[in-house]
Protein backbone atom coordinates (compact mmCIF):
# COMPACT_ATOMS: atom_id res chain seq x y z
CA UNK A 1 0.00 0.00 0.00
CA UNK A 2 1.27 3.47 -0.79
CA UNK A 3 1.90 6.03 1.94
CA UNK A 4 -0.95 8.17 0.55
CA UNK A 5 -3.34 5.22 0.66
CA UNK A 6 -2.35 4.36 4.23
CA UNK A 7 -2.85 7.97 5.32
CA UNK A 8 -6.53 7.72 4.28
CA UNK A 9 -7.25 4.93 6.77
CA UNK A 10 -9.14 5.93 9.92
CA UNK A 11 -8.37 4.25 13.27
CA UNK A 12 -11.07 1.83 14.53
CA UNK A 13 -12.94 1.86 11.20
CA UNK A 14 -13.57 -1.44 9.44
CA UNK A 15 -12.41 -1.92 5.86
CA UNK A 16 -12.81 -4.59 3.19
CA UNK A 17 -9.41 -5.42 1.69
CA UNK A 18 -8.97 -6.97 -1.77
CA UNK A 19 -5.75 -8.10 -3.42
CA UNK A 20 -4.58 -9.86 -6.57
CA UNK A 21 -2.14 -12.33 -5.04
CA UNK A 22 -0.70 -13.44 -1.72
CA UNK A 23 2.62 -15.08 -0.94
CA UNK A 24 4.01 -16.39 2.36
CA UNK A 25 7.32 -14.55 2.74
CA UNK A 26 8.29 -15.46 6.30
CA UNK A 27 11.92 -16.63 6.32
CA UNK A 28 12.13 -15.90 2.54
CA UNK A 29 12.07 -12.10 2.12
CA UNK A 30 15.41 -10.29 2.32
CA UNK A 31 15.05 -6.83 3.89
CA UNK A 32 17.07 -3.75 2.86
CA UNK A 33 19.22 -4.34 5.98
CA UNK A 34 20.28 -7.70 4.53
CA UNK A 35 18.42 -9.60 7.25
CA UNK A 36 15.64 -12.08 6.52
CA UNK A 37 12.03 -11.32 7.54
CA UNK A 38 11.07 -13.68 10.35
CA UNK A 39 7.35 -13.58 11.20
CA UNK A 40 5.95 -17.06 11.76
CA UNK A 41 2.32 -17.63 12.79
CA UNK A 42 1.65 -17.27 16.50
CA UNK A 43 -1.31 -17.09 18.90
CA UNK A 44 -0.73 -15.58 22.32
CA UNK A 45 -2.43 -13.82 25.22
CA UNK A 46 -1.04 -11.06 27.41
CA UNK A 47 -2.08 -9.66 30.77
CA UNK A 48 -3.03 -6.40 29.02
CA UNK A 49 -6.03 -7.87 27.21
CA UNK A 50 -8.38 -10.79 27.85
CA UNK A 51 -8.65 -11.56 24.13
CA UNK A 52 -6.00 -13.66 22.41
CA UNK A 53 -3.81 -12.02 19.78
CA UNK A 54 -3.32 -13.78 16.45
CA UNK A 55 -0.34 -13.20 14.17
CA UNK A 56 -0.93 -14.98 10.83
CA UNK A 57 2.74 -14.66 9.80
CA UNK A 58 4.47 -12.66 7.07
CA UNK A 59 2.61 -12.24 3.81
CA UNK A 60 3.19 -10.13 0.72
CA UNK A 61 -0.06 -8.89 -0.84
CA UNK A 62 -0.02 -7.52 -4.40
CA UNK A 63 -2.60 -5.19 -5.93
CA UNK A 64 -4.12 -4.15 -2.57
CA UNK A 65 -7.27 -2.01 -2.60
CA UNK A 66 -9.66 -1.23 0.22
CA UNK A 67 -13.17 0.06 0.75
CA UNK A 68 -15.30 0.87 3.78
PDB file of N, CA and C in Angstrom:
ATOM      1  N   UNK A   1       0.851  -1.166   0.000  1.00  0.00           N
ATOM      2  CA  UNK A   1       0.000   0.000   0.000  1.00  0.00           C
ATOM      3  C   UNK A   1       0.898   1.231   0.000  1.00  0.00           C
ATOM      4  N   UNK A   2       0.481   2.246  -0.736  1.00  0.00           N
ATOM      5  CA  UNK A   2       1.272   3.471  -0.787  1.00  0.00           C
ATOM      6  C   UNK A   2       1.088   4.257   0.506  1.00  0.00           C
ATOM      7  N   UNK A   3       1.992   5.168   0.754  1.00  0.00           N
ATOM      8  CA  UNK A   3       1.899   6.032   1.938  1.00  0.00           C
ATOM      9  C   UNK A   3       0.624   6.881   1.880  1.00  0.00           C
ATOM     10  N   UNK A   4       0.284   7.377   0.691  1.00  0.00           N
ATOM     11  CA  UNK A   4      -0.945   8.170   0.549  1.00  0.00           C
ATOM     12  C   UNK A   4      -2.178   7.330   0.853  1.00  0.00           C
ATOM     13  N   UNK A   5      -2.210   6.104   0.385  1.00  0.00           N
ATOM     14  CA  UNK A   5      -3.340   5.224   0.661  1.00  0.00           C
ATOM     15  C   UNK A   5      -3.463   4.921   2.150  1.00  0.00           C
ATOM     16  N   UNK A   6      -2.340   4.649   2.795  1.00  0.00           N
ATOM     17  CA  UNK A   6      -2.351   4.355   4.231  1.00  0.00           C
ATOM     18  C   UNK A   6      -2.804   5.566   5.037  1.00  0.00           C
ATOM     19  N   UNK A   7      -2.471   6.766   4.575  1.00  0.00           N
ATOM     20  CA  UNK A   7      -2.849   7.973   5.319  1.00  0.00           C
ATOM     21  C   UNK A   7      -4.358   8.214   5.289  1.00  0.00           C
ATOM     22  N   UNK A   8      -5.070   7.568   4.366  1.00  0.00           N
ATOM     23  CA  UNK A   8      -6.525   7.722   4.277  1.00  0.00           C
ATOM     24  C   UNK A   8      -7.276   6.826   5.265  1.00  0.00           C
ATOM     25  N   UNK A   9      -6.597   5.842   5.840  1.00  0.00           N
ATOM     26  CA  UNK A   9      -7.250   4.928   6.775  1.00  0.00           C
ATOM     27  C   UNK A   9      -7.562   5.646   8.090  1.00  0.00           C
ATOM     28  N   UNK A  10      -8.705   5.321   8.678  1.00  0.00           N
ATOM     29  CA  UNK A  10      -9.141   5.931   9.924  1.00  0.00           C
ATOM     30  C   UNK A  10      -9.105   4.863  11.016  1.00  0.00           C
ATOM     31  N   UNK A  11      -8.488   5.189  12.157  1.00  0.00           N
ATOM     32  CA  UNK A  11      -8.373   4.249  13.266  1.00  0.00           C
ATOM     33  C   UNK A  11      -9.753   3.776  13.720  1.00  0.00           C
ATOM     34  N   UNK A  12      -9.861   2.489  14.021  1.00  0.00           N
ATOM     35  CA  UNK A  12     -11.072   1.831  14.527  1.00  0.00           C
ATOM     36  C   UNK A  12     -12.209   1.750  13.514  1.00  0.00           C
ATOM     37  N   UNK A  13     -11.949   2.060  12.254  1.00  0.00           N
ATOM     38  CA  UNK A  13     -12.941   1.865  11.202  1.00  0.00           C
ATOM     39  C   UNK A  13     -12.684   0.508  10.565  1.00  0.00           C
ATOM     40  N   UNK A  14     -13.726  -0.129  10.085  1.00  0.00           N
ATOM     41  CA  UNK A  14     -13.568  -1.436   9.441  1.00  0.00           C
ATOM     42  C   UNK A  14     -13.519  -1.261   7.935  1.00  0.00           C
ATOM     43  N   UNK A  15     -12.611  -2.000   7.301  1.00  0.00           N
ATOM     44  CA  UNK A  15     -12.414  -1.921   5.861  1.00  0.00           C
ATOM     45  C   UNK A  15     -12.454  -3.314   5.245  1.00  0.00           C
ATOM     46  N   UNK A  16     -12.877  -3.375   3.985  1.00  0.00           N
ATOM     47  CA  UNK A  16     -12.813  -4.590   3.192  1.00  0.00           C
ATOM     48  C   UNK A  16     -11.564  -4.474   2.327  1.00  0.00           C
ATOM     49  N   UNK A  17     -10.670  -5.442   2.437  1.00  0.00           N
ATOM     50  CA  UNK A  17      -9.410  -5.417   1.689  1.00  0.00           C
ATOM     51  C   UNK A  17      -9.463  -6.461   0.586  1.00  0.00           C
ATOM     52  N   UNK A  18      -9.076  -6.059  -0.622  1.00  0.00           N
ATOM     53  CA  UNK A  18      -8.972  -6.967  -1.766  1.00  0.00           C
ATOM     54  C   UNK A  18      -7.540  -6.945  -2.269  1.00  0.00           C
ATOM     55  N   UNK A  19      -7.100  -8.042  -2.862  1.00  0.00           N
ATOM     56  CA  UNK A  19      -5.745  -8.098  -3.418  1.00  0.00           C
ATOM     57  C   UNK A  19      -5.718  -9.118  -4.540  1.00  0.00           C
ATOM     58  N   UNK A  20      -4.711  -8.978  -5.405  1.00  0.00           N
ATOM     59  CA  UNK A  20      -4.577  -9.857  -6.569  1.00  0.00           C
ATOM     60  C   UNK A  20      -3.876 -11.170  -6.249  1.00  0.00           C
ATOM     61  N   UNK A  21      -2.875 -11.111  -5.387  1.00  0.00           N
ATOM     62  CA  UNK A  21      -2.144 -12.331  -5.044  1.00  0.00           C
ATOM     63  C   UNK A  21      -1.554 -12.211  -3.648  1.00  0.00           C
ATOM     64  N   UNK A  22      -1.273 -13.379  -3.068  1.00  0.00           N
ATOM     65  CA  UNK A  22      -0.697 -13.445  -1.724  1.00  0.00           C
ATOM     66  C   UNK A  22       0.435 -14.465  -1.745  1.00  0.00           C
ATOM     67  N   UNK A  23       1.489 -14.163  -1.011  1.00  0.00           N
ATOM     68  CA  UNK A  23       2.624 -15.082  -0.940  1.00  0.00           C
ATOM     69  C   UNK A  23       3.162 -15.081   0.481  1.00  0.00           C
ATOM     70  N   UNK A  24       3.406 -16.265   1.031  1.00  0.00           N
ATOM     71  CA  UNK A  24       4.015 -16.390   2.359  1.00  0.00           C
ATOM     72  C   UNK A  24       5.492 -16.047   2.215  1.00  0.00           C
ATOM     73  N   UNK A  25       5.931 -14.989   2.889  1.00  0.00           N
ATOM     74  CA  UNK A  25       7.317 -14.553   2.744  1.00  0.00           C
ATOM     75  C   UNK A  25       8.132 -14.718   4.021  1.00  0.00           C
ATOM     76  N   UNK A  26       7.541 -15.272   5.063  1.00  0.00           N
ATOM     77  CA  UNK A  26       8.285 -15.463   6.296  1.00  0.00           C
ATOM     78  C   UNK A  26       9.480 -16.376   6.058  1.00  0.00           C
ATOM     79  N   UNK A  27      10.636 -15.923   6.477  1.00  0.00           N
ATOM     80  CA  UNK A  27      11.917 -16.628   6.316  1.00  0.00           C
ATOM     81  C   UNK A  27      12.387 -16.694   4.861  1.00  0.00           C
ATOM     82  N   UNK A  28      11.756 -15.905   3.955  1.00  0.00           N
ATOM     83  CA  UNK A  28      12.134 -15.905   2.541  1.00  0.00           C
ATOM     84  C   UNK A  28      12.471 -14.510   2.021  1.00  0.00           C
ATOM     85  N   UNK A  29      11.920 -13.468   2.626  1.00  0.00           N
ATOM     86  CA  UNK A  29      12.067 -12.104   2.124  1.00  0.00           C
ATOM     87  C   UNK A  29      13.305 -11.450   2.731  1.00  0.00           C
ATOM     88  N   UNK A  30      14.208 -10.979   1.867  1.00  0.00           N
ATOM     89  CA  UNK A  30      15.411 -10.293   2.318  1.00  0.00           C
ATOM     90  C   UNK A  30      15.093  -8.800   2.437  1.00  0.00           C
ATOM     91  N   UNK A  31      15.317  -8.245   3.620  1.00  0.00           N
ATOM     92  CA  UNK A  31      15.046  -6.835   3.894  1.00  0.00           C
ATOM     93  C   UNK A  31      16.203  -5.962   3.415  1.00  0.00           C
ATOM     94  N   UNK A  32      15.988  -4.647   3.273  1.00  0.00           N
ATOM     95  CA  UNK A  32      17.071  -3.751   2.861  1.00  0.00           C
ATOM     96  C   UNK A  32      18.298  -3.835   3.777  1.00  0.00           C
ATOM     97  N   UNK A  33      18.106  -4.207   5.030  1.00  0.00           N
ATOM     98  CA  UNK A  33      19.219  -4.338   5.980  1.00  0.00           C
ATOM     99  C   UNK A  33      20.075  -5.564   5.685  1.00  0.00           C
ATOM    100  N   UNK A  34      19.571  -6.459   4.813  1.00  0.00           N
ATOM    101  CA  UNK A  34      20.276  -7.698   4.528  1.00  0.00           C
ATOM    102  C   UNK A  34      19.784  -8.855   5.386  1.00  0.00           C
ATOM    103  N   UNK A  35      18.977  -8.557   6.387  1.00  0.00           N
ATOM    104  CA  UNK A  35      18.422  -9.598   7.246  1.00  0.00           C
ATOM    105  C   UNK A  35      17.196 -10.221   6.574  1.00  0.00           C
ATOM    106  N   UNK A  36      16.797 -11.379   7.051  1.00  0.00           N
ATOM    107  CA  UNK A  36      15.635 -12.079   6.516  1.00  0.00           C
ATOM    108  C   UNK A  36      14.430 -11.810   7.408  1.00  0.00           C
ATOM    109  N   UNK A  37      13.263 -11.534   6.783  1.00  0.00           N
ATOM    110  CA  UNK A  37      12.033 -11.324   7.542  1.00  0.00           C
ATOM    111  C   UNK A  37      11.657 -12.618   8.244  1.00  0.00           C
ATOM    112  N   UNK A  38      11.466 -12.537   9.543  1.00  0.00           N
ATOM    113  CA  UNK A  38      11.066 -13.683  10.347  1.00  0.00           C
ATOM    114  C   UNK A  38       9.767 -13.306  11.043  1.00  0.00           C
ATOM    115  N   UNK A  39       8.653 -13.879  10.615  1.00  0.00           N
ATOM    116  CA  UNK A  39       7.351 -13.580  11.196  1.00  0.00           C
ATOM    117  C   UNK A  39       6.456 -14.799  11.041  1.00  0.00           C
ATOM    118  N   UNK A  40       6.729 -15.829  11.831  1.00  0.00           N
ATOM    119  CA  UNK A  40       5.953 -17.061  11.758  1.00  0.00           C
ATOM    120  C   UNK A  40       4.628 -16.917  12.495  1.00  0.00           C
ATOM    121  N   UNK A  41       3.618 -17.696  12.123  1.00  0.00           N
ATOM    122  CA  UNK A  41       2.318 -17.625  12.788  1.00  0.00           C
ATOM    123  C   UNK A  41       2.445 -17.869  14.289  1.00  0.00           C
ATOM    124  N   UNK A  42       1.592 -17.170  15.052  1.00  0.00           N
ATOM    125  CA  UNK A  42       1.652 -17.271  16.502  1.00  0.00           C
ATOM    126  C   UNK A  42       0.313 -16.833  17.095  1.00  0.00           C
ATOM    127  N   UNK A  43      -0.128 -17.504  18.143  1.00  0.00           N
ATOM    128  CA  UNK A  43      -1.311 -17.091  18.901  1.00  0.00           C
ATOM    129  C   UNK A  43      -0.862 -16.952  20.345  1.00  0.00           C
ATOM    130  N   UNK A  44      -1.176 -15.808  20.957  1.00  0.00           N
ATOM    131  CA  UNK A  44      -0.728 -15.579  22.325  1.00  0.00           C
ATOM    132  C   UNK A  44      -1.716 -14.683  23.072  1.00  0.00           C
ATOM    133  N   UNK A  45      -1.582 -14.642  24.371  1.00  0.00           N
ATOM    134  CA  UNK A  45      -2.431 -13.820  25.221  1.00  0.00           C
ATOM    135  C   UNK A  45      -1.533 -13.099  26.214  1.00  0.00           C
ATOM    136  N   UNK A  46      -1.821 -11.835  26.449  1.00  0.00           N
ATOM    137  CA  UNK A  46      -1.037 -11.063  27.407  1.00  0.00           C
ATOM    138  C   UNK A  46      -1.928 -10.649  28.574  1.00  0.00           C
ATOM    139  N   UNK A  47      -1.314 -10.134  29.610  1.00  0.00           N
ATOM    140  CA  UNK A  47      -2.077  -9.663  30.771  1.00  0.00           C
ATOM    141  C   UNK A  47      -2.762  -8.326  30.483  1.00  0.00           C
ATOM    142  N   UNK A  48      -2.448  -7.689  29.363  1.00  0.00           N
ATOM    143  CA  UNK A  48      -3.032  -6.396  29.023  1.00  0.00           C
ATOM    144  C   UNK A  48      -4.412  -6.508  28.390  1.00  0.00           C
ATOM    145  N   UNK A  49      -4.765  -7.690  27.898  1.00  0.00           N
ATOM    146  CA  UNK A  49      -6.033  -7.866  27.206  1.00  0.00           C
ATOM    147  C   UNK A  49      -6.530  -9.294  27.435  1.00  0.00           C
ATOM    148  N   UNK A  50      -7.826  -9.450  27.630  1.00  0.00           N
ATOM    149  CA  UNK A  50      -8.378 -10.788  27.854  1.00  0.00           C
ATOM    150  C   UNK A  50      -8.520 -11.583  26.558  1.00  0.00           C
ATOM    151  N   UNK A  51      -8.513 -10.878  25.420  1.00  0.00           N
ATOM    152  CA  UNK A  51      -8.655 -11.559  24.129  1.00  0.00           C
ATOM    153  C   UNK A  51      -7.296 -12.049  23.636  1.00  0.00           C
ATOM    154  N   UNK A  52      -7.265 -13.201  22.970  1.00  0.00           N
ATOM    155  CA  UNK A  52      -5.996 -13.660  22.409  1.00  0.00           C
ATOM    156  C   UNK A  52      -5.608 -12.809  21.201  1.00  0.00           C
ATOM    157  N   UNK A  53      -4.331 -12.705  20.967  1.00  0.00           N
ATOM    158  CA  UNK A  53      -3.809 -12.024  19.780  1.00  0.00           C
ATOM    159  C   UNK A  53      -3.382 -13.088  18.782  1.00  0.00           C
ATOM    160  N   UNK A  54      -3.659 -12.829  17.506  1.00  0.00           N
ATOM    161  CA  UNK A  54      -3.324 -13.782  16.450  1.00  0.00           C
ATOM    162  C   UNK A  54      -2.418 -13.098  15.443  1.00  0.00           C
ATOM    163  N   UNK A  55      -1.267 -13.684  15.186  1.00  0.00           N
ATOM    164  CA  UNK A  55      -0.339 -13.203  14.175  1.00  0.00           C
ATOM    165  C   UNK A  55      -0.310 -14.262  13.077  1.00  0.00           C
ATOM    166  N   UNK A  56      -0.867 -13.969  11.883  1.00  0.00           N
ATOM    167  CA  UNK A  56      -0.925 -14.984  10.830  1.00  0.00           C
ATOM    168  C   UNK A  56       0.417 -15.267  10.162  1.00  0.00           C
ATOM    169  N   UNK A  57       1.440 -14.469  10.432  1.00  0.00           N
ATOM    170  CA  UNK A  57       2.739 -14.662   9.803  1.00  0.00           C
ATOM    171  C   UNK A  57       3.034 -13.535   8.833  1.00  0.00           C
ATOM    172  N   UNK A  58       4.064 -13.694   8.022  1.00  0.00           N
ATOM    173  CA  UNK A  58       4.465 -12.658   7.072  1.00  0.00           C
ATOM    174  C   UNK A  58       3.970 -12.952   5.673  1.00  0.00           C
ATOM    175  N   UNK A  59       3.157 -12.053   5.146  1.00  0.00           N
ATOM    176  CA  UNK A  59       2.610 -12.236   3.807  1.00  0.00           C
ATOM    177  C   UNK A  59       2.848 -10.997   2.953  1.00  0.00           C
ATOM    178  N   UNK A  60       3.070 -11.207   1.689  1.00  0.00           N
ATOM    179  CA  UNK A  60       3.193 -10.128   0.716  1.00  0.00           C
ATOM    180  C   UNK A  60       1.929 -10.138  -0.124  1.00  0.00           C
ATOM    181  N   UNK A  61       1.176  -9.032  -0.064  1.00  0.00           N
ATOM    182  CA  UNK A  61      -0.057  -8.892  -0.844  1.00  0.00           C
ATOM    183  C   UNK A  61       0.232  -7.975  -2.022  1.00  0.00           C
ATOM    184  N   UNK A  62      -0.214  -8.358  -3.205  1.00  0.00           N
ATOM    185  CA  UNK A  62      -0.021  -7.521  -4.399  1.00  0.00           C
ATOM    186  C   UNK A  62      -1.372  -7.010  -4.879  1.00  0.00           C
ATOM    187  N   UNK A  63      -1.388  -5.781  -5.378  1.00  0.00           N
ATOM    188  CA  UNK A  63      -2.601  -5.194  -5.927  1.00  0.00           C
ATOM    189  C   UNK A  63      -3.645  -4.916  -4.845  1.00  0.00           C
ATOM    190  N   UNK A  64      -3.218  -4.387  -3.710  1.00  0.00           N
ATOM    191  CA  UNK A  64      -4.122  -4.155  -2.574  1.00  0.00           C
ATOM    192  C   UNK A  64      -5.008  -2.935  -2.824  1.00  0.00           C
ATOM    193  N   UNK A  65      -6.317  -3.108  -2.594  1.00  0.00           N
ATOM    194  CA  UNK A  65      -7.268  -2.012  -2.596  1.00  0.00           C
ATOM    195  C   UNK A  65      -8.146  -2.194  -1.370  1.00  0.00           C
ATOM    196  N   UNK A  66      -8.786  -1.110  -0.936  1.00  0.00           N
ATOM    197  CA  UNK A  66      -9.661  -1.233   0.225  1.00  0.00           C
ATOM    198  C   UNK A  66     -10.878  -0.348   0.046  1.00  0.00           C
ATOM    199  N   UNK A  67     -11.954  -0.733   0.745  1.00  0.00           N
ATOM    200  CA  UNK A  67     -13.174   0.064   0.753  1.00  0.00           C
ATOM    201  C   UNK A  67     -13.804  -0.059   2.129  1.00  0.00           C
ATOM    202  N   UNK A  68     -14.648   0.896   2.458  1.00  0.00           N
ATOM    203  CA  UNK A  68     -15.296   0.870   3.783  1.00  0.00           C
ATOM    204  C   UNK A  68     -16.412  -0.146   3.808  1.00  0.00           C
TER     205      UNK A  68
END
